[in-house]
Amino acid sequence: MPEDNNPVIEVIDLSASYGHEPILHDINFKVNPNEVFAVLGGSGCGKSTLLKHITGLYCPVKGDIIIHGESIVKASGDKRREIMRSFGVTYQGGALWGSLTVGENVSLPLEEYTSLSRKQIRAVVDEKLHLVQMDGFRDYMPAELSGGMRKRAGLARAMALSPKLLFFDEPSAGLDPITSARLDELILRLRDECDTTIMVVTHELDSIFTIADRVIMLSKETKSIVAEGDPRYLRDKSPDPWVREFMTRGASLRLAGSIPQST
């Protein structure tokens, strides 16, 4: 495990493609401990592709990905599984198994990766549901939950093994503004109370300005990082006019009445 001042994630010269179609080229960045780090950019810029590479679902064409001081690209077998157990991932819509209750969904990582008894697993499940403000919903089916509740249940499952690193894929997508704001509050609480490092892939600017300490912006045209830093600085003072326009487009369109408050 790294020292506290070492990065939790380090992406080094990462290039990725689908077949012969390049998606990302020479991506480099670090995520620091207890940071909320966001990846943003327009449609097709490679945000989700980058996340899938970092979480070990895809193998890069070139480069390396270091998580907690270990290369997930070079690791295999038990070492790779150990690295993947060290983080949790929440997916769009929660990605819950529809045939299982909320409690059964949350218990899956515990049943697979621990030797806890049924009683102990039940206690951990209740603890994680309490953490995401879903006390009393253990026996509900996913179809009985609202969109925001499904996302929180998915987060409880991602937290089952108490990881110190969490990935969020479009956490606010499809949520109304109030539910989205409450999810943002929950993300910040997890960082502060659970000593968690968080990486978020999103296009929701309101959420970015609320939760992100630092962002990178990907470009579909260059297939690379075109901006990095505090999102408020990029919005107000970036030397790149396109970056400033991108970071203010949501607010400008809402003020003009061109787009709804949520998507």
C-alpha atoms as a PDB file:
ATOM      1  CA  MET A   1       0.000   0.000   0.000  1.00  0.00           C
ATOM      2  CA  PRO A   2       1.269   3.520  -0.751  1.00  0.00           C
ATOM      3  CA  GLU A   3       2.218   6.134   1.802  1.00  0.00           C
ATOM      4  CA  ASP A   4      -0.450   8.746   2.471  1.00  0.00           C
ATOM      5  CA  ASN A   5       1.215  11.319   0.198  1.00  0.00           C
ATOM      6  CA  ASN A   6       1.447   8.942  -2.779  1.00  0.00           C
ATOM      7  CA  PRO A   7      -1.282   8.851  -5.445  1.00  0.00           C
ATOM      8  CA  VAL A   8      -4.085   6.332  -5.099  1.00  0.00           C
ATOM      9  CA  ILE A   9      -4.345   6.086  -8.906  1.00  0.00           C
ATOM     10  CA  GLU A  10      -1.666   6.833 -11.471  1.00  0.00           C
ATOM     11  CA  VAL A  11      -2.397   6.543 -15.200  1.00  0.00           C
ATOM     12  CA  ILE A  12       0.748   6.513 -17.305  1.00  0.00           C
ATOM     13  CA  ASP A  13       0.853   7.026 -21.098  1.00  0.00           C
ATOM     14  CA  LEU A  14      -2.455   5.183 -21.531  1.00  0.00           C
ATOM     15  CA  SER A  15      -3.724   4.563 -25.054  1.00  0.00           C
ATOM     16  CA  ALA A  16      -6.917   2.663 -25.846  1.00  0.00           C
ATOM     17  CA  SER A  17      -8.846   1.622 -28.915  1.00  0.00           C
ATOM     18  CA  TYR A  18     -11.832  -0.396 -30.088  1.00  0.00           C
ATOM     19  CA  GLY A  19     -10.427  -2.620 -32.807  1.00  0.00           C
ATOM     20  CA  HIS A  20      -8.519  -0.290 -35.114  1.00  0.00           C
ATOM     21  CA  GLU A  21     -10.388   2.794 -33.894  1.00  0.00           C
ATOM     22  CA  PRO A  22      -8.268   4.822 -31.418  1.00  0.00           C
ATOM     23  CA  ILE A  23     -10.243   6.215 -28.464  1.00  0.00           C
ATOM     24  CA  LEU A  24      -7.632   7.555 -26.040  1.00  0.00           C
ATOM     25  CA  HIS A  25      -4.025   8.578 -26.676  1.00  0.00           C
ATOM     26  CA  ASP A  26      -1.209   9.098 -24.128  1.00  0.00           C
ATOM     27  CA  ILE A  27      -3.403   9.824 -21.108  1.00  0.00           C
ATOM     28  CA  ASN A  28      -1.499  10.806 -17.943  1.00  0.00           C
ATOM     29  CA  PHE A  29      -2.904  11.859 -14.566  1.00  0.00           C
ATOM     30  CA  LYS A  30      -2.848  11.083 -10.840  1.00  0.00           C
ATOM     31  CA  VAL A  31      -5.593  10.900  -8.227  1.00  0.00           C
ATOM     32  CA  ASN A  32      -4.573  11.838  -4.697  1.00  0.00           C
ATOM     33  CA  PRO A  33      -5.782  10.353  -1.395  1.00  0.00           C
ATOM     34  CA  ASN A  34      -9.204  11.580  -0.192  1.00  0.00           C
ATOM     35  CA  GLU A  35      -9.743  13.518  -3.401  1.00  0.00           C
ATOM     36  CA  VAL A  36     -12.952  13.713  -5.420  1.00  0.00           C
ATOM     37  CA  PHE A  37     -11.598  13.564  -8.952  1.00  0.00           C
ATOM     38  CA  ALA A  38     -13.903  13.956 -11.966  1.00  0.00           C
ATOM     39  CA  VAL A  39     -13.536  12.971 -15.614  1.00  0.00           C
ATOM     40  CA  LEU A  40     -15.643  14.987 -18.028  1.00  0.00           C
ATOM     41  CA  GLY A  41     -16.022  15.741 -21.684  1.00  0.00           C
ATOM     42  CA  GLY A  42     -18.503  15.547 -24.527  1.00  0.00           C
ATOM     43  CA  SER A  43     -20.232  12.440 -25.824  1.00  0.00           C
ATOM     44  CA  GLY A  44     -17.834   9.930 -27.356  1.00  0.00           C
ATOM     45  CA  CYS A  45     -14.709  11.424 -25.769  1.00  0.00           C
ATOM     46  CA  GLY A  46     -13.795   8.185 -23.968  1.00  0.00           C
ATOM     47  CA  LYS A  47     -14.900   8.878 -20.371  1.00  0.00           C
ATOM     48  CA  SER A  48     -16.512   5.478 -19.796  1.00  0.00           C
ATOM     49  CA  THR A  49     -13.759   3.746 -21.767  1.00  0.00           C
ATOM     50  CA  LEU A  50     -11.181   5.263 -19.438  1.00  0.00           C
ATOM     51  CA  LEU A  51     -13.133   4.084 -16.392  1.00  0.00           C
ATOM     52  CA  LYS A  52     -13.392   0.532 -17.745  1.00  0.00           C
ATOM     53  CA  HIS A  53      -9.632   0.426 -18.261  1.00  0.00           C
ATOM     54  CA  ILE A  54      -8.858   1.716 -14.783  1.00  0.00           C
ATOM     55  CA  THR A  55     -11.211  -0.801 -13.153  1.00  0.00           C
ATOM     56  CA  GLY A  56      -9.637  -3.678 -15.059  1.00  0.00           C
ATOM     57  CA  LEU A  57     -12.480  -4.476 -17.455  1.00  0.00           C
ATOM     58  CA  TYR A  58     -10.400  -3.558 -20.522  1.00  0.00           C
ATOM     59  CA  CYS A  59      -6.690  -3.900 -21.269  1.00  0.00           C
ATOM     60  CA  PRO A  60      -4.946  -0.839 -22.751  1.00  0.00           C
ATOM     61  CA  VAL A  61      -3.157  -0.828 -26.078  1.00  0.00           C
ATOM     62  CA  LYS A  62      -0.265   0.930 -24.363  1.00  0.00           C
ATOM     63  CA  GLY A  63       0.602   2.327 -20.944  1.00  0.00           C
ATOM     64  CA  ASP A  64       0.061   1.406 -17.328  1.00  0.00           C
ATOM     65  CA  ILE A  65      -2.465   1.938 -14.526  1.00  0.00           C
ATOM     66  CA  ILE A  66      -1.224   1.922 -10.935  1.00  0.00           C
ATOM     67  CA  ILE A  67      -3.776   1.474  -8.120  1.00  0.00           C
ATOM     68  CA  HIS A  68      -2.596   1.581  -4.507  1.00  0.00           C
ATOM     69  CA  GLY A  69       0.979   1.193  -5.775  1.00  0.00           C
ATOM     70  CA  GLU A  70       0.243  -1.922  -7.869  1.00  0.00           C
ATOM     71  CA  SER A  71      -0.114  -2.242 -11.654  1.00  0.00           C
ATOM     72  CA  ILE A  72      -3.543  -3.606 -12.541  1.00  0.00           C
ATOM     73  CA  VAL A  73      -2.361  -3.944 -16.158  1.00  0.00           C
ATOM     74  CA  LYS A  74       0.569  -6.219 -15.324  1.00  0.00           C
ATOM     75  CA  ALA A  75      -1.125  -8.132 -12.501  1.00  0.00           C
ATOM     76  CA  SER A  76      -2.788 -11.491 -13.047  1.00  0.00           C
ATOM     77  CA  GLY A  77      -4.466 -14.222 -11.032  1.00  0.00           C
ATOM     78  CA  ASP A  78      -4.750 -13.663  -7.286  1.00  0.00           C
ATOM     79  CA  LYS A  79      -2.834 -10.364  -7.398  1.00  0.00           C
ATOM     80  CA  ARG A  80      -5.238  -8.914  -9.965  1.00  0.00           C
ATOM     81  CA  ARG A  81      -8.251 -10.050  -7.926  1.00  0.00           C
ATOM     82  CA  GLU A  82      -6.697  -8.499  -4.825  1.00  0.00           C
ATOM     83  CA  ILE A  83      -6.339  -5.144  -6.593  1.00  0.00           C
ATOM     84  CA  MET A  84      -9.905  -5.290  -7.897  1.00  0.00           C
ATOM     85  CA  ARG A  85     -11.224  -6.087  -4.407  1.00  0.00           C
ATOM     86  CA  SER A  86      -9.560  -2.900  -3.141  1.00  0.00           C
ATOM     87  CA  PHE A  87     -12.092  -0.647  -4.887  1.00  0.00           C
ATOM     88  CA  GLY A  88     -15.831  -0.417  -5.421  1.00  0.00           C
ATOM     89  CA  VAL A  89     -17.684   0.592  -8.593  1.00  0.00           C
ATOM     90  CA  THR A  90     -21.163   2.050  -8.959  1.00  0.00           C
ATOM     91  CA  TYR A  91     -22.760   1.852 -12.387  1.00  0.00           C
ATOM     92  CA  GLN A  92     -25.458   3.833 -14.150  1.00  0.00           C
ATOM     93  CA  GLY A  93     -28.873   2.834 -12.829  1.00  0.00           C
ATOM     94  CA  GLY A  94     -27.332   0.898  -9.938  1.00  0.00           C
ATOM     95  CA  ALA A  95     -26.888  -2.318 -11.993  1.00  0.00           C
ATOM     96  CA  LEU A  96     -28.710  -4.386  -9.361  1.00  0.00           C
ATOM     97  CA  TRP A  97     -29.774  -7.992  -9.955  1.00  0.00           C
ATOM     98  CA  GLY A  98     -33.531  -7.692 -10.441  1.00  0.00           C
ATOM     99  CA  SER A  99     -34.274 -11.156  -9.083  1.00  0.00           C
ATOM    100  CA  LEU A 100     -32.519 -10.463  -5.764  1.00  0.00           C
ATOM    101  CA  THR A 101     -33.575  -8.254  -2.883  1.00  0.00           C
ATOM    102  CA  VAL A 102     -31.598  -5.157  -1.990  1.00  0.00           C
ATOM    103  CA  GLY A 103     -29.984  -7.024   0.898  1.00  0.00           C
ATOM    104  CA  GLU A 104     -29.075  -9.977  -1.294  1.00  0.00           C
ATOM    105  CA  ASN A 105     -27.495  -7.629  -3.845  1.00  0.00           C
ATOM    106  CA  VAL A 106     -25.376  -5.936  -1.191  1.00  0.00           C
ATOM    107  CA  SER A 107     -24.326  -9.269   0.311  1.00  0.00           C
ATOM    108  CA  LEU A 108     -22.926 -10.667  -2.958  1.00  0.00           C
ATOM    109  CA  PRO A 109     -19.340  -9.330  -2.546  1.00  0.00           C
ATOM    110  CA  LEU A 110     -19.314 -10.470   1.086  1.00  0.00           C
ATOM    111  CA  GLU A 111     -20.376 -13.989   0.143  1.00  0.00           C
ATOM    112  CA  GLU A 112     -17.795 -14.180  -2.644  1.00  0.00           C
ATOM    113  CA  TYR A 113     -14.762 -12.614  -0.983  1.00  0.00           C
ATOM    114  CA  THR A 114     -15.147 -13.202   2.775  1.00  0.00           C
ATOM    115  CA  SER A 115     -15.724 -16.082   5.169  1.00  0.00           C
ATOM    116  CA  LEU A 116     -18.235 -14.184   7.289  1.00  0.00           C
ATOM    117  CA  SER A 117     -21.214 -16.049   8.720  1.00  0.00           C
ATOM    118  CA  ARG A 118     -24.762 -15.313   7.561  1.00  0.00           C
ATOM    119  CA  LYS A 119     -25.368 -13.337  10.754  1.00  0.00           C
ATOM    120  CA  GLN A 120     -22.212 -11.292  10.222  1.00  0.00           C
ATOM    121  CA  ILE A 121     -23.064 -10.652   6.563  1.00  0.00           C
ATOM    122  CA  ARG A 122     -26.541  -9.482   7.555  1.00  0.00           C
ATOM    123  CA  ALA A 123     -24.984  -7.052  10.046  1.00  0.00           C
ATOM    124  CA  VAL A 124     -22.610  -5.639   7.416  1.00  0.00           C
ATOM    125  CA  VAL A 125     -25.474  -5.289   4.913  1.00  0.00           C
ATOM    126  CA  ASP A 126     -27.522  -3.332   7.455  1.00  0.00           C
ATOM    127  CA  GLU A 127     -24.491  -1.155   8.218  1.00  0.00           C
ATOM    128  CA  LYS A 128     -23.932  -0.299   4.542  1.00  0.00           C
ATOM    129  CA  LEU A 129     -27.624   0.382   3.921  1.00  0.00           C
ATOM    130  CA  HIS A 130     -27.614   2.712   6.921  1.00  0.00           C
ATOM    131  CA  LEU A 131     -24.560   4.442   5.477  1.00  0.00           C
ATOM    132  CA  VAL A 132     -26.468   5.283   2.286  1.00  0.00           C
ATOM    133  CA  GLN A 133     -29.656   6.194   4.186  1.00  0.00           C
ATOM    134  CA  MET A 134     -31.644   3.102   3.176  1.00  0.00           C
ATOM    135  CA  ASP A 135     -32.512   1.628   6.566  1.00  0.00           C
ATOM    136  CA  GLY A 136     -35.494  -0.707   6.296  1.00  0.00           C
ATOM    137  CA  PHE A 137     -35.137  -1.444   2.577  1.00  0.00           C
ATOM    138  CA  ARG A 138     -33.136  -4.690   2.853  1.00  0.00           C
ATOM    139  CA  ASP A 139     -36.053  -6.900   1.744  1.00  0.00           C
ATOM    140  CA  TYR A 140     -37.260  -4.676  -1.106  1.00  0.00           C
ATOM    141  CA  MET A 141     -36.849  -5.702  -4.724  1.00  0.00           C
ATOM    142  CA  PRO A 142     -35.020  -3.302  -7.081  1.00  0.00           C
ATOM    143  CA  ALA A 143     -38.232  -2.777  -9.087  1.00  0.00           C
ATOM    144  CA  GLU A 144     -39.847  -1.354  -5.956  1.00  0.00           C
ATOM    145  CA  LEU A 145     -37.239   1.413  -5.632  1.00  0.00           C
ATOM    146  CA  SER A 146     -36.980   4.848  -7.197  1.00  0.00           C
ATOM    147  CA  GLY A 147     -34.058   5.655  -9.492  1.00  0.00           C
ATOM    148  CA  GLY A 148     -32.197   7.466  -6.741  1.00  0.00           C
ATOM    149  CA  MET A 149     -32.722   4.603  -4.300  1.00  0.00           C
ATOM    150  CA  ARG A 150     -31.418   2.073  -6.820  1.00  0.00           C
ATOM    151  CA  LYS A 151     -28.266   4.148  -7.199  1.00  0.00           C
ATOM    152  CA  ARG A 152     -27.832   4.275  -3.420  1.00  0.00           C
ATOM    153  CA  ALA A 153     -28.394   0.524  -3.151  1.00  0.00           C
ATOM    154  CA  GLY A 154     -25.733   0.041  -5.818  1.00  0.00           C
ATOM    155  CA  LEU A 155     -23.444   2.260  -3.766  1.00  0.00           C
ATOM    156  CA  ALA A 156     -24.100   0.147  -0.660  1.00  0.00           C
ATOM    157  CA  ARG A 157     -23.027  -2.920  -2.640  1.00  0.00           C
ATOM    158  CA  ALA A 158     -19.889  -1.109  -3.850  1.00  0.00           C
ATOM    159  CA  MET A 159     -19.117  -0.270  -0.211  1.00  0.00           C
ATOM    160  CA  ALA A 160     -19.697  -3.824   1.056  1.00  0.00           C
ATOM    161  CA  LEU A 161     -15.991  -4.625   1.392  1.00  0.00           C
ATOM    162  CA  SER A 162     -15.208  -1.168   2.868  1.00  0.00           C
ATOM    163  CA  PRO A 163     -12.921  -0.062   0.009  1.00  0.00           C
ATOM    164  CA  LYS A 164     -10.900   3.130   0.295  1.00  0.00           C
ATOM    165  CA  LEU A 165     -11.429   3.851  -3.418  1.00  0.00           C
ATOM    166  CA  LEU A 166     -14.786   4.290  -5.151  1.00  0.00           C
ATOM    167  CA  PHE A 167     -15.638   4.810  -8.826  1.00  0.00           C
ATOM    168  CA  PHE A 168     -18.908   6.417  -9.933  1.00  0.00           C
ATOM    169  CA  ASP A 169     -20.163   6.147 -13.527  1.00  0.00           C
ATOM    170  CA  GLU A 170     -22.601   9.012 -14.225  1.00  0.00           C
ATOM    171  CA  PRO A 171     -24.044   9.010 -10.683  1.00  0.00           C
ATOM    172  CA  SER A 172     -26.557  11.812 -11.329  1.00  0.00           C
ATOM    173  CA  ALA A 173     -27.783  10.674 -14.741  1.00  0.00           C
ATOM    174  CA  GLY A 174     -31.575  10.504 -14.917  1.00  0.00           C
ATOM    175  CA  LEU A 175     -32.146  11.992 -11.469  1.00  0.00           C
ATOM    176  CA  ASP A 176     -34.207  15.054 -10.617  1.00  0.00           C
ATOM    177  CA  PRO A 177     -32.285  18.039  -9.167  1.00  0.00           C
ATOM    178  CA  ILE A 178     -33.204  17.351  -5.529  1.00  0.00           C
ATOM    179  CA  THR A 179     -32.273  13.659  -5.680  1.00  0.00           C
ATOM    180  CA  SER A 180     -29.068  14.542  -7.525  1.00  0.00           C
ATOM    181  CA  ALA A 181     -28.122  17.086  -4.852  1.00  0.00           C
ATOM    182  CA  ARG A 182     -28.706  14.520  -2.093  1.00  0.00           C
ATOM    183  CA  LEU A 183     -26.470  12.039  -3.907  1.00  0.00           C
ATOM    184  CA  ASP A 184     -23.768  14.698  -4.150  1.00  0.00           C
ATOM    185  CA  GLU A 185     -24.045  15.239  -0.391  1.00  0.00           C
ATOM    186  CA  LEU A 186     -23.701  11.494   0.165  1.00  0.00           C
ATOM    187  CA  ILE A 187     -20.552  11.322  -1.991  1.00  0.00           C
ATOM    188  CA  LEU A 188     -18.936  14.107   0.034  1.00  0.00           C
ATOM    189  CA  ARG A 189     -19.958  12.457   3.302  1.00  0.00           C
ATOM    190  CA  LEU A 190     -18.373   9.178   2.206  1.00  0.00           C
ATOM    191  CA  ARG A 191     -15.138  10.987   1.403  1.00  0.00           C
ATOM    192  CA  ASP A 192     -15.067  12.795   4.739  1.00  0.00           C
ATOM    193  CA  GLU A 193     -16.408  10.142   7.124  1.00  0.00           C
ATOM    194  CA  CYS A 194     -15.010   6.992   5.487  1.00  0.00           C
ATOM    195  CA  ASP A 195     -11.635   8.376   4.396  1.00  0.00           C
ATOM    196  CA  THR A 196     -12.449   7.462   0.790  1.00  0.00           C
ATOM    197  CA  THR A 197     -10.895   8.540  -2.510  1.00  0.00           C
ATOM    198  CA  ILE A 198     -13.519   9.006  -5.215  1.00  0.00           C
ATOM    199  CA  MET A 199     -13.309   9.134  -9.006  1.00  0.00           C
ATOM    200  CA  VAL A 200     -16.420  10.258 -10.877  1.00  0.00           C
ATOM    201  CA  VAL A 201     -17.200  10.034 -14.580  1.00  0.00           C
ATOM    202  CA  THR A 202     -19.934  12.528 -15.358  1.00  0.00           C
ATOM    203  CA  HIS A 203     -21.237  15.231 -17.665  1.00  0.00           C
ATOM    204  CA  GLU A 204     -23.316  16.971 -14.964  1.00  0.00           C
ATOM    205  CA  LEU A 205     -21.679  20.351 -14.416  1.00  0.00           C
ATOM    206  CA  ASP A 206     -23.753  21.263 -11.352  1.00  0.00           C
ATOM    207  CA  SER A 207     -22.511  18.117  -9.634  1.00  0.00           C
ATOM    208  CA  ILE A 208     -18.915  18.735 -10.694  1.00  0.00           C
ATOM    209  CA  PHE A 209     -18.838  22.203  -9.143  1.00  0.00           C
ATOM    210  CA  THR A 210     -20.380  20.815  -5.952  1.00  0.00           C
ATOM    211  CA  ILE A 211     -18.195  17.778  -5.306  1.00  0.00           C
ATOM    212  CA  ALA A 212     -15.024  17.804  -7.444  1.00  0.00           C
ATOM    213  CA  ASP A 213     -11.674  18.934  -6.076  1.00  0.00           C
ATOM    214  CA  ARG A 214     -10.051  18.459  -9.470  1.00  0.00           C
ATOM    215  CA  VAL A 215     -11.089  17.418 -12.975  1.00  0.00           C
ATOM    216  CA  ILE A 216      -9.646  16.329 -16.275  1.00  0.00           C
ATOM    217  CA  MET A 217     -11.423  17.126 -19.530  1.00  0.00           C
ATOM    218  CA  LEU A 218     -11.171  14.712 -22.457  1.00  0.00           C
ATOM    219  CA  SER A 219     -11.529  15.725 -26.093  1.00  0.00           C
ATOM    220  CA  LYS A 220     -13.043  13.479 -28.757  1.00  0.00           C
ATOM    221  CA  GLU A 221     -11.045  15.288 -31.414  1.00  0.00           C
ATOM    222  CA  THR A 222      -7.579  14.986 -29.844  1.00  0.00           C
ATOM    223  CA  LYS A 223      -8.382  11.781 -27.887  1.00  0.00           C
ATOM    224  CA  SER A 224      -6.407  13.275 -25.018  1.00  0.00           C
ATOM    225  CA  ILE A 225      -6.664  15.476 -21.930  1.00  0.00           C
ATOM    226  CA  VAL A 226      -7.188  19.116 -22.936  1.00  0.00           C
ATOM    227  CA  ALA A 227      -7.588  20.592 -19.435  1.00  0.00           C
ATOM    228  CA  GLU A 228      -6.863  19.646 -15.825  1.00  0.00           C
ATOM    229  CA  GLY A 229      -7.388  21.456 -12.537  1.00  0.00           C
ATOM    230  CA  ASP A 230      -9.952  22.965 -10.191  1.00  0.00           C
ATOM    231  CA  PRO A 231     -13.249  23.069 -12.132  1.00  0.00           C
ATOM    232  CA  ARG A 232     -14.014  26.584 -10.902  1.00  0.00           C
ATOM    233  CA  TYR A 233     -10.639  27.818 -12.137  1.00  0.00           C
ATOM    234  CA  LEU A 234     -11.154  26.180 -15.530  1.00  0.00           C
ATOM    235  CA  ARG A 235     -14.604  27.750 -15.792  1.00  0.00           C
ATOM    236  CA  ASP A 236     -13.427  31.250 -14.940  1.00  0.00           C
ATOM    237  CA  LYS A 237      -9.776  31.488 -15.966  1.00  0.00           C
ATOM    238  CA  SER A 238      -8.784  28.736 -18.393  1.00  0.00           C
ATOM    239  CA  PRO A 239      -6.677  30.169 -21.230  1.00  0.00           C
ATOM    240  CA  ASP A 240      -8.591  27.908 -23.632  1.00  0.00           C
ATOM    241  CA  PRO A 241     -11.864  29.544 -24.765  1.00  0.00           C
ATOM    242  CA  TRP A 242     -13.378  26.141 -25.614  1.00  0.00           C
ATOM    243  CA  VAL A 243     -12.756  24.895 -22.086  1.00  0.00           C
ATOM    244  CA  ARG A 244     -14.400  27.998 -20.580  1.00  0.00           C
ATOM    245  CA  GLU A 245     -17.373  27.582 -22.910  1.00  0.00           C
ATOM    246  CA  PHE A 246     -17.725  23.899 -22.052  1.00  0.00           C
ATOM    247  CA  MET A 247     -17.620  24.597 -18.322  1.00  0.00           C
ATOM    248  CA  THR A 248     -20.294  27.313 -18.549  1.00  0.00           C
ATOM    249  CA  ARG A 249     -22.567  25.839 -21.218  1.00  0.00           C
ATOM    250  CA  GLY A 250     -25.001  24.193 -18.785  1.00  0.00           C
ATOM    251  CA  ALA A 251     -25.604  27.354 -16.762  1.00  0.00           C
ATOM    252  CA  SER A 252     -25.903  29.481 -19.911  1.00  0.00           C
ATOM    253  CA  LEU A 253     -28.434  27.170 -21.537  1.00  0.00           C
ATOM    254  CA  ARG A 254     -30.528  26.895 -18.385  1.00  0.00           C
ATOM    255  CA  LEU A 255     -30.648  30.657 -17.997  1.00  0.00           C
ATOM    256  CA  ALA A 256     -31.771  30.907 -21.608  1.00  0.00           C
ATOM    257  CA  GLY A 257     -34.488  28.312 -20.984  1.00  0.00           C
ATOM    258  CA  SER A 258     -33.112  26.038 -23.694  1.00  0.00           C
ATOM    259  CA  ILE A 259     -32.706  22.899 -21.602  1.00  0.00           C
ATOM    260  CA  PRO A 260     -34.505  21.494 -18.579  1.00  0.00           C
ATOM    261  CA  GLN A 261     -33.008  21.540 -15.074  1.00  0.00           C
ATOM    262  CA  SER A 262     -32.253  17.834 -15.186  1.00  0.00           C
ATOM    263  CA  THR A 263     -31.683  15.141 -17.788  1.00  0.00           C
END
